[in-house]
Protein backbone atom coordinates (compact mmCIF):
# COMPACT_ATOMS: atom_id res chain seq x y z
CA PRO A 1 131.09 90.56 203.13
CA ALA A 2 131.74 89.28 199.63
CA CYS A 3 132.04 85.67 200.76
CA ARG A 4 128.48 85.48 202.14
CA SER A 5 126.01 83.95 199.71
CA THR A 6 122.79 85.76 198.88
CA PRO A 7 120.04 83.42 197.66
CA ALA A 8 116.86 84.82 196.08
CA TYR A 9 114.08 83.44 193.91
CA GLN A 10 113.75 84.80 190.37
CA GLY A 11 111.72 84.09 187.27
CA ASP A 12 108.11 84.62 186.26
CA LYS A 13 106.81 82.39 189.07
CA HIS A 14 109.62 83.28 191.48
CA ASP A 15 110.53 79.59 191.60
CA ILE A 16 114.09 79.68 190.22
CA LEU A 17 116.69 79.96 192.97
CA ALA A 18 119.71 82.09 192.09
CA THR A 19 122.56 82.51 194.56
CA TYR A 20 125.10 85.32 194.44
CA GLN A 21 128.49 84.51 195.97
CA TYR A 22 132.11 85.44 195.21
CA ARG A 23 131.09 87.99 192.50
CA LYS A 24 129.13 85.27 190.65
CA LEU A 25 125.39 84.62 190.31
CA ARG A 26 124.55 80.92 189.89
CA SER A 27 121.28 79.21 189.12
CA ASP A 28 120.43 75.62 188.24
CA LEU A 29 117.62 75.64 185.69
CA PRO A 30 115.41 72.65 184.89
CA GLY A 31 117.10 70.08 182.67
CA LYS A 32 114.48 70.67 179.95
CA VAL A 33 116.39 73.89 179.23
CA ARG A 34 119.11 72.92 176.77
CA VAL A 35 122.52 74.60 176.93
CA PRO A 36 122.27 76.19 173.43
CA ALA A 37 118.87 77.70 174.34
CA ALA A 38 120.26 79.16 177.57
CA VAL A 39 123.24 80.61 175.70
CA ALA A 40 120.92 82.20 173.11
CA ALA A 41 118.78 83.61 175.94
CA ALA A 42 121.89 85.05 177.61
CA GLU A 43 122.93 86.71 174.33
CA GLY A 44 119.45 88.19 173.91
CA SER A 45 119.36 89.44 177.50
CA LEU A 46 122.75 91.12 177.12
CA ARG A 47 121.99 92.65 173.70
CA SER A 48 118.70 94.10 174.98
CA ARG A 49 120.71 95.94 177.64
CA GLY A 50 123.09 97.40 175.08
CA TYR A 51 126.00 95.00 175.62
CA GLY A 52 128.23 94.10 172.71
CA ILE A 53 128.80 90.35 172.33
CA ARG A 54 132.54 89.66 172.14
CA THR A 55 132.33 85.86 171.85
CA SER A 56 129.62 83.23 172.08
CA SER A 57 129.89 79.46 171.82
CA ALA A 58 127.72 76.51 172.73
CA THR A 59 127.57 72.73 172.56
CA GLU A 60 124.96 70.48 174.15
CA ASP A 61 127.20 70.25 177.25
CA ARG A 62 128.52 73.75 177.82
CA GLY A 63 128.48 77.27 176.51
CA ARG A 64 129.93 80.70 177.15
CA VAL A 65 129.09 84.30 176.27
CA GLU A 66 131.49 87.20 176.80
CA ALA A 67 130.07 90.70 176.45
CA VAL A 68 131.12 94.29 177.09
CA PRO A 69 128.86 97.06 178.37
CA PRO A 70 128.34 100.12 176.17
CA ASP A 71 130.23 102.28 178.68
CA ALA A 72 132.96 99.73 179.34
CA GLY A 73 135.91 100.78 181.43
CA LEU A 74 139.19 98.95 181.55
CA PHE A 75 138.72 95.17 182.08
CA GLU A 76 134.92 95.49 182.28
CA GLU A 77 133.04 92.54 180.86
CA VAL A 78 130.25 90.12 181.58
CA VAL A 79 130.86 86.39 181.30
CA VAL A 80 127.93 83.97 181.23
CA GLU A 81 128.80 80.30 181.49
CA VAL A 82 126.22 77.56 180.92
CA GLU A 83 126.80 73.89 181.70
CA ALA A 84 124.74 70.71 181.79
CA VAL A 85 125.11 69.44 185.38
CA GLY A 86 123.28 66.21 186.17
CA ALA A 87 119.57 66.81 185.58
CA ALA A 88 119.99 70.60 185.51
CA THR A 89 121.40 73.34 183.30
CA ARG A 90 123.63 75.63 185.37
CA VAL A 91 123.89 79.31 184.44
CA GLU A 92 126.60 81.46 186.02
CA ILE A 93 126.96 85.21 185.50
CA LEU A 94 130.15 87.03 186.43
CA ILE A 95 130.64 90.77 185.99
CA GLU A 96 134.32 91.67 185.85
CA PRO A 97 136.25 93.12 187.55
CA MET A 98 134.29 93.79 190.76
CA GLY A 99 131.02 91.88 190.46
CA ASP A 100 127.58 93.50 190.62
CA GLU A 101 124.71 91.55 192.16
CA SER A 102 121.87 93.77 190.95
CA ARG A 103 123.14 93.86 187.34
CA SER A 104 123.77 90.10 187.45
CA ARG A 105 120.20 89.49 188.64
CA ALA A 106 118.80 91.81 185.94
CA ILE A 107 120.67 89.84 183.27
CA MET A 108 119.44 86.55 184.81
CA ASP A 109 115.85 87.85 184.77
CA GLY A 110 116.26 88.53 181.05
CA VAL A 111 117.57 84.99 180.51
CA LEU A 112 114.68 83.44 182.45
CA THR A 113 112.07 85.56 180.62
CA ARG A 114 113.47 84.50 177.24
CA LEU A 115 113.30 80.85 178.36
CA GLY A 116 109.71 81.21 179.61
CA LEU A 117 110.71 80.60 183.25
């Protein structure tokens, strides 16, 4: 069922927990990762997969990237939100309209690789 969460470790050392639930993949990265760096990594990960960046914005506290796949159907887009949460930097990936765990995890792997995690 879509409401069940699916946790899995990702990253170079397989030490970054990312949980997929309600069409969204969420991971809390170490606080040393600044929001603008995570947003830039998300942009790079998406571009390398052929996505077109529709919008991208970042402050030290939060950021957002909206992208469309090269073969986009109606309402298809990827939204990556980044937010400083306590001592962590939270990254959330949502693929609209239906969600896609494997694509979300592939994008997250690209983000983590670009951040050296």
